[in-house]
């Protein structure tokens, strides 16, 4: 191992570099906080997202190592050996190993933390680490090429910037998106990672890595028949994957045909996607407390309230949970529970191109406030525009509440009206 680390500065320097790579990788992972604690898949993506800076940093390290390697004159000695490709690639392998260790350390930390926080684990999706390691190989190879060709250690920052720039170009669509890993697009509720897209990304990245390493030293990497055949196969396969990825739309996630739900509650049945079940018990308890005001009026609640992302097929017989940004938290607000109770049907109009009438929003808002007040969770102040009606007796409120809830259950949104005086 010491021989592999010679061009990196030895064991002590390698330990420092590993610690630095971990520290650098934590920046993108924690850049949006730690809301990924509420979803194991999201935590996995957050860990892999550390490659956003680990990869460019590793590219800079490889560039400095190969600038030192090439300038030392050892390149000529390598060419005379029986397997010149092996000593030439050892510094690259060492750099890749250090960066891979940093990436895996962060990813293991995020997924472990999510599991300890109560998120349901999905270890079967951990295969997405493999394409990330392939992308890392391409990033390191770019640094190898710049260091070997330029022979100046001051080129290391340029390698870092260039590698980071490739990820940006992929993100904006200038090139195929093969250098970006773990971009968090949501909670992954009702979704899973698309193996076909990740396979194309891995193939294209390996092809790029092989091509860059070949260009760094054609004699060492492509001199012998076997390495030449392996490199040629990787380059040709990678080119095909790159073309395929650039043609058409390739999403990194896909919907699950029948997403698994986890339900809780007794009088109010609350169902969340298995990926995001942290707030389930708290949400069910809050909704059951507020739902007493409805059941006391003899109103029938829907059989269950379902998280919208998990219910791919719209079912107006079920209520809709309205958690906004709380579905990853361990607790929710009473306002979220009230909004959910005030949406007792998944009406098509809620997601139609033409929005529902304004009165439907106003009616649900007022109904949610009424639920909060009946549960003792809201006390209108003197300037509250709804204060007069909310402060009236139940006898005055009963008719509007019953008719409004009935219309919301039937998705008769056009018939919704606010009570007189509101």
Protein backbone atom coordinates (compact mmCIF):
# COMPACT_ATOMS: atom_id res chain seq x y z
CA UNK A 1 0.00 0.00 0.00
CA UNK A 2 2.87 2.36 0.75
CA UNK A 3 4.01 2.10 -2.87
CA UNK A 4 0.61 3.14 -4.08
CA UNK A 5 0.68 6.19 -1.84
CA UNK A 6 4.18 7.34 -2.79
CA UNK A 7 3.02 9.92 -5.32
CA UNK A 8 0.34 11.17 -2.93
CA UNK A 9 2.92 11.95 -0.26
CA UNK A 10 2.83 8.82 1.91
CA UNK A 11 0.50 7.38 4.53
CA UNK A 12 0.23 10.45 6.73
CA UNK A 13 -0.65 12.70 3.82
CA UNK A 14 -3.18 10.12 2.63
CA UNK A 15 -4.91 10.19 6.04
CA UNK A 16 -5.05 13.99 5.88
CA UNK A 17 -6.42 13.83 2.33
CA UNK A 18 -9.10 11.34 3.39
CA UNK A 19 -10.18 13.58 6.26
CA UNK A 20 -10.22 16.56 3.91
CA UNK A 21 -12.33 14.72 1.36
CA UNK A 22 -14.86 13.76 4.03
CA UNK A 23 -15.02 17.36 5.23
CA UNK A 24 -15.45 18.67 1.70
CA UNK A 25 -18.13 16.08 0.94
CA UNK A 26 -20.20 17.06 3.97
CA UNK A 27 -20.71 20.54 2.52
CA UNK A 28 -23.16 19.55 -0.25
CA UNK A 29 -24.66 16.79 1.89
CA UNK A 30 -25.62 19.25 4.63
CA UNK A 31 -26.23 22.23 2.35
CA UNK A 32 -30.00 21.80 2.64
CA UNK A 33 -30.05 20.85 6.28
CA UNK A 34 -30.81 17.35 7.50
CA UNK A 35 -34.40 16.94 6.34
CA UNK A 36 -33.25 13.73 4.62
CA UNK A 37 -33.46 12.11 8.06
CA UNK A 38 -37.12 11.53 7.23
CA UNK A 39 -36.43 9.35 4.19
CA UNK A 40 -33.81 6.60 3.92
CA UNK A 41 -33.72 6.87 0.13
CA UNK A 42 -33.31 10.62 0.42
CA UNK A 43 -30.48 10.09 2.92
CA UNK A 44 -28.84 7.74 0.42
CA UNK A 45 -29.11 10.43 -2.24
CA UNK A 46 -27.76 13.06 0.15
CA UNK A 47 -24.74 10.89 0.88
CA UNK A 48 -24.04 10.34 -2.81
CA UNK A 49 -24.53 14.06 -3.43
CA UNK A 50 -21.25 14.56 -1.56
CA UNK A 51 -19.58 13.51 -4.82
CA UNK A 52 -20.43 17.02 -6.07
CA UNK A 53 -17.29 18.24 -4.29
CA UNK A 54 -15.46 14.99 -3.50
CA UNK A 55 -15.09 14.22 -7.22
CA UNK A 56 -13.57 17.60 -8.18
CA UNK A 57 -11.30 17.50 -5.12
CA UNK A 58 -10.12 14.00 -6.06
CA UNK A 59 -9.49 15.20 -9.60
CA UNK A 60 -7.25 17.95 -8.24
CA UNK A 61 -5.37 15.48 -6.03
CA UNK A 62 -4.83 13.14 -8.99
CA UNK A 63 -3.63 16.03 -11.14
CA UNK A 64 -1.02 17.04 -8.56
CA UNK A 65 0.13 13.43 -8.11
CA UNK A 66 0.60 12.81 -11.83
CA UNK A 67 2.27 16.15 -12.40
CA UNK A 68 4.80 15.06 -9.82
CA UNK A 69 4.98 11.57 -11.35
CA UNK A 70 5.53 12.80 -14.90
CA UNK A 71 8.02 15.50 -13.92
CA UNK A 72 10.14 13.10 -11.87
CA UNK A 73 11.25 11.06 -14.86
CA UNK A 74 9.72 7.86 -13.47
CA UNK A 75 7.44 7.71 -16.49
CA UNK A 76 10.35 6.47 -18.63
CA UNK A 77 11.15 3.73 -16.14
CA UNK A 78 7.51 2.64 -16.10
CA UNK A 79 7.54 2.19 -19.87
CA UNK A 80 10.35 -0.39 -19.64
CA UNK A 81 8.56 -2.64 -17.14
CA UNK A 82 6.74 -5.90 -18.00
CA UNK A 83 3.35 -4.38 -17.10
CA UNK A 84 3.75 -0.62 -17.60
CA UNK A 85 0.03 0.01 -17.15
CA UNK A 86 0.08 -1.16 -13.53
CA UNK A 87 2.61 1.29 -11.98
CA UNK A 88 1.13 4.06 -14.12
CA UNK A 89 -2.40 3.48 -12.82
CA UNK A 90 -1.50 2.87 -9.16
CA UNK A 91 -1.60 6.56 -8.12
CA UNK A 92 -4.96 6.91 -9.86
CA UNK A 93 -6.27 3.84 -8.06
CA UNK A 94 -5.00 5.21 -4.74
CA UNK A 95 -6.71 8.55 -5.31
CA UNK A 96 -9.92 6.84 -6.35
CA UNK A 97 -9.77 4.60 -3.27
CA UNK A 98 -9.39 7.55 -0.90
CA UNK A 99 -12.28 9.44 -2.54
CA UNK A 100 -14.43 6.29 -2.61
CA UNK A 101 -13.76 5.75 1.09
CA UNK A 102 -14.87 9.33 1.81
CA UNK A 103 -18.00 8.90 -0.29
CA UNK A 104 -18.92 5.60 1.35
CA UNK A 105 -18.24 6.99 4.83
CA UNK A 106 -20.63 9.90 4.31
CA UNK A 107 -23.28 7.73 2.66
CA UNK A 108 -23.12 5.17 5.46
CA UNK A 109 -23.40 7.98 8.00
CA UNK A 110 -26.46 9.56 6.39
CA UNK A 111 -28.36 6.30 5.90
CA UNK A 112 -27.51 5.12 9.42
CA UNK A 113 -28.68 8.43 10.87
CA UNK A 114 -31.93 8.23 8.88
CA UNK A 115 -32.54 4.71 10.13
CA UNK A 116 -31.91 5.73 13.74
CA UNK A 117 -34.29 8.68 13.25
CA UNK A 118 -37.09 6.29 12.38
CA UNK A 119 -37.02 6.15 8.59
CA UNK A 120 -37.78 2.80 6.98
CA UNK A 121 -34.58 1.40 5.39
CA UNK A 122 -34.36 0.35 1.75
CA UNK A 123 -31.02 -1.48 1.53
CA UNK A 124 -32.03 -2.98 -1.81
CA UNK A 125 -31.57 0.46 -3.39
CA UNK A 126 -27.95 0.74 -2.22
CA UNK A 127 -26.82 -0.44 -5.66
CA UNK A 128 -26.89 3.24 -6.78
CA UNK A 129 -23.51 3.55 -5.03
CA UNK A 130 -21.91 1.56 -7.90
CA UNK A 131 -22.70 4.10 -10.66
CA UNK A 132 -21.46 6.84 -8.32
CA UNK A 133 -18.11 5.07 -8.00
CA UNK A 134 -17.94 4.81 -11.80
CA UNK A 135 -18.52 8.56 -12.09
CA UNK A 136 -15.77 9.08 -9.52
CA UNK A 137 -13.41 7.06 -11.72
CA UNK A 138 -14.07 9.42 -14.64
CA UNK A 139 -13.49 12.46 -12.43
CA UNK A 140 -10.18 11.11 -11.18
CA UNK A 141 -9.15 10.19 -14.72
CA UNK A 142 -9.64 13.78 -15.84
CA UNK A 143 -7.19 14.89 -13.18
CA UNK A 144 -4.75 12.19 -14.28
CA UNK A 145 -4.83 13.46 -17.87
CA UNK A 146 -4.32 17.11 -16.94
CA UNK A 147 -1.49 16.28 -14.53
CA UNK A 148 0.31 13.93 -16.92
CA UNK A 149 -0.04 16.27 -19.88
CA UNK A 150 0.64 19.56 -18.10
CA UNK A 151 3.32 18.32 -15.67
CA UNK A 152 2.62 21.28 -13.37
CA UNK A 153 1.14 20.93 -9.91
CA UNK A 154 -0.50 24.34 -10.16
CA UNK A 155 -2.86 22.73 -12.68
CA UNK A 156 -4.60 20.92 -9.79
CA UNK A 157 -7.06 23.79 -9.14
CA UNK A 158 -7.83 23.86 -12.85
CA UNK A 159 -8.62 20.14 -12.76
CA UNK A 160 -10.92 20.71 -9.79
CA UNK A 161 -12.79 23.53 -11.52
CA UNK A 162 -13.02 21.64 -14.82
CA UNK A 163 -14.44 18.55 -13.12
CA UNK A 164 -16.99 20.58 -11.19
CA UNK A 165 -17.92 22.35 -14.42
CA UNK A 166 -18.74 19.06 -16.13
CA UNK A 167 -21.34 18.39 -13.44
CA UNK A 168 -22.83 21.84 -13.98
CA UNK A 169 -22.95 21.35 -17.76
CA UNK A 170 -24.78 18.08 -17.27
CA UNK A 171 -27.25 19.64 -14.85
CA UNK A 172 -28.20 22.39 -17.34
CA UNK A 173 -28.42 19.98 -20.28
CA UNK A 174 -25.40 21.10 -22.30
CA UNK A 175 -23.97 17.56 -22.12
CA UNK A 176 -25.47 14.26 -21.06
CA UNK A 177 -25.92 14.19 -17.31
CA UNK A 178 -23.24 11.64 -16.43
CA UNK A 179 -21.15 13.61 -13.95
CA UNK A 180 -23.91 14.47 -11.48
CA UNK A 181 -24.85 12.01 -8.72
CA UNK A 182 -27.40 12.05 -5.94
CA UNK A 183 -29.25 15.23 -6.90
CA UNK A 184 -32.14 15.36 -4.41
CA UNK A 185 -35.42 16.04 -6.21
CA UNK A 186 -37.88 15.12 -3.46
CA UNK A 187 -38.69 12.59 -0.81
CA UNK A 188 -38.77 9.60 -3.22
CA UNK A 189 -42.16 8.70 -1.74
CA UNK A 190 -43.74 6.18 -4.12
CA UNK A 191 -40.61 6.21 -6.28
CA UNK A 192 -37.49 4.15 -6.77
CA UNK A 193 -34.23 4.55 -8.66
CA UNK A 194 -34.31 3.73 -12.36
CA UNK A 195 -31.76 0.99 -13.08
CA UNK A 196 -31.66 1.62 -16.84
CA UNK A 197 -30.69 5.29 -16.48
CA UNK A 198 -28.07 4.53 -13.85
CA UNK A 199 -26.65 1.76 -16.03
CA UNK A 200 -26.23 4.19 -18.91
CA UNK A 201 -24.57 6.69 -16.60
CA UNK A 202 -22.17 4.06 -15.23
CA UNK A 203 -21.29 2.81 -18.71
CA UNK A 204 -20.68 6.32 -20.05
CA UNK A 205 -18.57 7.23 -17.01
CA UNK A 206 -16.41 4.11 -17.31
CA UNK A 207 -15.94 4.80 -21.01
CA UNK A 208 -14.87 8.37 -20.25
CA UNK A 209 -12.46 7.13 -17.57
CA UNK A 210 -10.88 4.61 -19.94
CA UNK A 211 -10.49 7.20 -22.71
CA UNK A 212 -8.93 9.78 -20.39
CA UNK A 213 -6.49 7.27 -18.90
CA UNK A 214 -5.49 6.12 -22.39
CA UNK A 215 -4.82 9.71 -23.44
CA UNK A 216 -2.74 10.26 -20.29
CA UNK A 217 -0.19 7.63 -21.40
CA UNK A 218 -0.89 5.68 -24.58
CA UNK A 219 2.22 3.53 -24.22
CA UNK A 220 1.57 2.42 -20.65
CA UNK A 221 -2.22 2.03 -20.79
CA UNK A 222 -2.69 0.83 -24.35
CA UNK A 223 0.63 -0.87 -25.08
CA UNK A 224 -0.14 -4.49 -24.16
CA UNK A 225 -2.86 -6.43 -26.03
CA UNK A 226 -5.06 -7.22 -23.02
CA UNK A 227 -5.20 -3.70 -21.54
CA UNK A 228 -5.71 -2.30 -25.04
CA UNK A 229 -8.68 -4.61 -25.61
CA UNK A 230 -10.21 -3.76 -22.23
CA UNK A 231 -9.79 -0.03 -22.82
CA UNK A 232 -11.24 -0.27 -26.32
CA UNK A 233 -14.27 -2.19 -25.05
CA UNK A 234 -14.87 0.38 -22.28
CA UNK A 235 -14.50 3.34 -24.65
CA UNK A 236 -16.82 1.90 -27.30
CA UNK A 237 -19.38 0.80 -24.74
CA UNK A 238 -19.17 4.14 -22.96
CA UNK A 239 -19.68 6.04 -26.21
CA UNK A 240 -22.81 4.02 -26.89
CA UNK A 241 -24.13 4.69 -23.39
CA UNK A 242 -23.40 8.40 -23.74
CA UNK A 243 -25.26 8.64 -27.04
CA UNK A 244 -28.18 6.66 -25.64
CA UNK A 245 -28.34 8.86 -22.56
CA UNK A 246 -28.28 12.02 -24.62
CA UNK A 247 -31.10 10.81 -26.86
CA UNK A 248 -34.51 11.07 -25.27
CA UNK A 249 -35.54 11.63 -21.68
CA UNK A 250 -33.89 9.49 -19.04
CA UNK A 251 -35.08 10.07 -15.47
CA UNK A 252 -33.07 8.81 -12.52
CA UNK A 253 -36.23 7.80 -10.66
CA UNK A 254 -39.45 6.11 -11.70
CA UNK A 255 -42.83 5.65 -10.00
CA UNK A 256 -43.53 2.43 -8.14
CA UNK A 257 -46.55 0.64 -9.59
CA UNK A 258 -48.10 -0.12 -6.22
CA UNK A 259 -46.41 2.02 -3.54
CA UNK A 260 -46.42 0.54 -0.07
CA UNK A 261 -48.41 2.49 2.49
CA UNK A 262 -48.19 2.42 6.27
CA UNK A 263 -51.38 3.45 8.07
CA UNK A 264 -52.14 4.49 11.62
CA UNK A 265 -54.97 5.86 13.71
CA UNK A 266 -58.34 4.44 14.68
CA UNK A 267 -61.20 6.90 14.19
CA UNK A 268 -59.10 8.68 11.55
CA UNK A 269 -57.10 6.39 9.28
CA UNK A 270 -53.90 8.11 8.14
CA UNK A 271 -51.68 6.53 5.46
CA UNK A 272 -48.18 7.63 4.50
CA UNK A 273 -45.74 6.17 2.03
CA UNK A 274 -43.41 3.74 3.77
CA UNK A 275 -40.49 5.99 2.81
CA UNK A 276 -41.78 8.87 4.94
CA UNK A 277 -43.51 7.47 8.02
CA UNK A 278 -41.72 9.46 10.76
CA UNK A 279 -44.65 11.79 11.52
CA UNK A 280 -47.36 9.10 11.23
CA UNK A 281 -48.19 8.62 14.92
CA UNK A 282 -48.08 12.32 15.71
CA UNK A 283 -50.21 13.22 12.69
CA UNK A 284 -52.81 10.56 13.44
CA UNK A 285 -53.10 11.72 17.06
CA UNK A 286 -53.58 15.36 16.07
CA UNK A 287 -56.14 14.52 13.40
CA UNK A 288 -58.12 12.28 15.75
CA UNK A 289 -58.27 15.04 18.35
CA UNK A 290 -59.64 17.56 15.85
CA UNK A 291 -61.93 15.09 14.08
CA UNK A 292 -64.10 14.80 17.19
CA UNK A 293 -65.79 18.06 16.19
CA UNK A 294 -66.88 16.45 12.91
CA UNK A 295 -68.01 13.12 14.32
CA UNK A 296 -69.99 14.93 17.03
CA UNK A 297 -72.04 16.44 14.20
CA UNK A 298 -72.71 12.98 12.79
CA UNK A 299 -70.43 13.48 9.79
CA UNK A 300 -68.78 10.45 8.21
CA UNK A 301 -65.05 10.70 7.65
CA UNK A 302 -63.43 9.21 4.54
CA UNK A 303 -62.07 5.67 5.02
CA UNK A 304 -58.53 7.04 5.04
CA UNK A 305 -56.40 10.11 4.37
CA UNK A 306 -53.51 9.39 2.01
CA UNK A 307 -50.25 11.16 1.23
CA UNK A 308 -50.65 12.49 -2.35
CA UNK A 309 -47.21 11.39 -3.61
CA UNK A 310 -47.94 7.82 -2.56
CA UNK A 311 -51.41 7.69 -4.16
CA UNK A 312 -50.50 7.53 -7.82
CA UNK A 313 -54.07 6.66 -8.81
CA UNK A 314 -56.46 9.40 -7.74
CA UNK A 315 -59.31 8.11 -5.57
CA UNK A 316 -61.92 10.72 -4.62
CA UNK A 317 -63.21 8.40 -1.90
CA UNK A 318 -60.11 9.09 0.16
CA UNK A 319 -59.01 12.27 1.89
CA UNK A 320 -55.75 14.05 1.10
CA UNK A 321 -53.00 14.77 3.58
CA UNK A 322 -51.65 18.32 3.36
CA UNK A 323 -48.28 18.29 5.09
CA UNK A 324 -46.42 20.82 2.94
CA UNK A 325 -42.80 20.60 4.17
CA UNK A 326 -43.51 18.47 7.25
CA UNK A 327 -43.68 14.99 5.74
CA UNK A 328 -40.00 14.45 6.61
CA UNK A 329 -40.27 15.76 10.16
CA UNK A 330 -40.92 13.65 13.25
CA UNK A 331 -43.84 15.87 14.27
CA UNK A 332 -46.35 18.01 12.40
CA UNK A 333 -48.32 21.13 13.23
CA UNK A 334 -51.97 21.23 14.27
CA UNK A 335 -52.57 23.41 11.20
CA UNK A 336 -51.41 20.61 8.90
CA UNK A 337 -53.77 18.18 10.64
CA UNK A 338 -56.65 20.64 10.23
CA UNK A 339 -55.88 21.27 6.54
CA UNK A 340 -55.88 17.53 5.94
CA UNK A 341 -59.23 17.00 7.67
CA UNK A 342 -60.64 19.86 5.59
CA UNK A 343 -59.73 17.96 2.39
CA UNK A 344 -61.88 14.81 2.72
CA UNK A 345 -61.75 13.88 -0.98
CA UNK A 346 -59.02 13.75 -3.62
CA UNK A 347 -60.95 15.79 -6.18
CA UNK A 348 -59.71 15.89 -9.76
CA UNK A 349 -60.11 19.67 -9.77
CA UNK A 350 -57.27 20.05 -7.27
CA UNK A 351 -54.72 19.09 -9.93
CA UNK A 352 -56.58 20.11 -13.09
CA UNK A 353 -55.24 22.64 -15.59
CA UNK A 354 -58.10 24.95 -14.64
CA UNK A 355 -57.95 25.64 -10.89
CA UNK A 356 -61.00 25.04 -8.71
CA UNK A 357 -63.17 28.03 -7.74
CA UNK A 358 -61.71 30.44 -5.21
CA UNK A 359 -64.53 29.64 -2.82
CA UNK A 360 -63.18 26.08 -2.43
CA UNK A 361 -59.91 27.41 -0.99
CA UNK A 362 -61.72 29.86 1.29
CA UNK A 363 -64.16 27.21 2.52
CA UNK A 364 -61.41 24.71 3.36
CA UNK A 365 -59.40 27.42 5.09
CA UNK A 366 -62.35 28.44 7.27
CA UNK A 367 -63.28 24.82 7.99
CA UNK A 368 -59.70 24.11 9.11
CA UNK A 369 -59.77 27.12 11.44
CA UNK A 370 -63.08 25.97 12.85
CA UNK A 371 -61.58 22.56 13.62
CA UNK A 372 -58.64 24.18 15.38
CA UNK A 373 -60.94 26.35 17.46
CA UNK A 374 -63.26 23.49 18.41
CA UNK A 375 -60.20 21.53 19.58
CA UNK A 376 -59.05 24.47 21.72
CA UNK A 377 -56.02 25.11 19.51
CA UNK A 378 -57.03 28.51 18.16
CA UNK A 379 -58.24 31.67 19.84
CA UNK A 380 -59.19 34.42 17.35
CA UNK A 381 -58.03 37.89 18.27
CA UNK A 382 -60.02 41.08 18.05
CA UNK A 383 -58.94 41.87 14.47
CA UNK A 384 -59.53 38.38 13.09
CA UNK A 385 -61.64 38.63 9.92
CA UNK A 386 -63.29 35.29 10.78
CA UNK A 387 -63.57 36.10 14.46
CA UNK A 388 -67.28 36.88 14.58
CA UNK A 389 -68.33 33.62 12.92
CA UNK A 390 -65.76 31.51 14.77
CA UNK A 391 -66.93 32.98 18.04
CA UNK A 392 -70.60 32.22 17.34
CA UNK A 393 -72.29 29.24 18.91
CA UNK A 394 -72.32 25.76 17.40
CA UNK A 395 -76.01 26.14 16.54
CA UNK A 396 -75.13 28.92 14.09
CA UNK A 397 -72.15 27.04 12.66
CA UNK A 398 -73.68 23.57 12.36
CA UNK A 399 -75.56 24.05 9.08
CA UNK A 400 -72.61 25.52 7.20
CA UNK A 401 -70.11 22.95 8.52
CA UNK A 402 -72.35 19.98 7.65
CA UNK A 403 -73.21 21.22 4.16
CA UNK A 404 -69.64 22.26 3.40
CA UNK A 405 -68.14 18.95 4.50
CA UNK A 406 -70.75 17.07 2.49
CA UNK A 407 -69.90 19.08 -0.63
CA UNK A 408 -66.18 18.58 -0.11
CA UNK A 409 -66.74 14.81 0.21
CA UNK A 410 -68.70 14.82 -3.08
CA UNK A 411 -66.23 17.19 -4.81
CA UNK A 412 -69.10 19.58 -5.47
CA UNK A 413 -66.70 22.51 -5.32
CA UNK A 414 -68.83 24.88 -7.39
CA UNK A 415 -71.51 24.84 -4.69
CA UNK A 416 -69.19 25.89 -1.87
CA UNK A 417 -69.91 29.22 -0.23
CA UNK A 418 -68.68 31.06 2.84
CA UNK A 419 -71.18 31.67 5.65
CA UNK A 420 -72.97 34.99 5.77
CA UNK A 421 -70.90 37.75 7.27
CA UNK A 422 -67.50 36.16 6.49
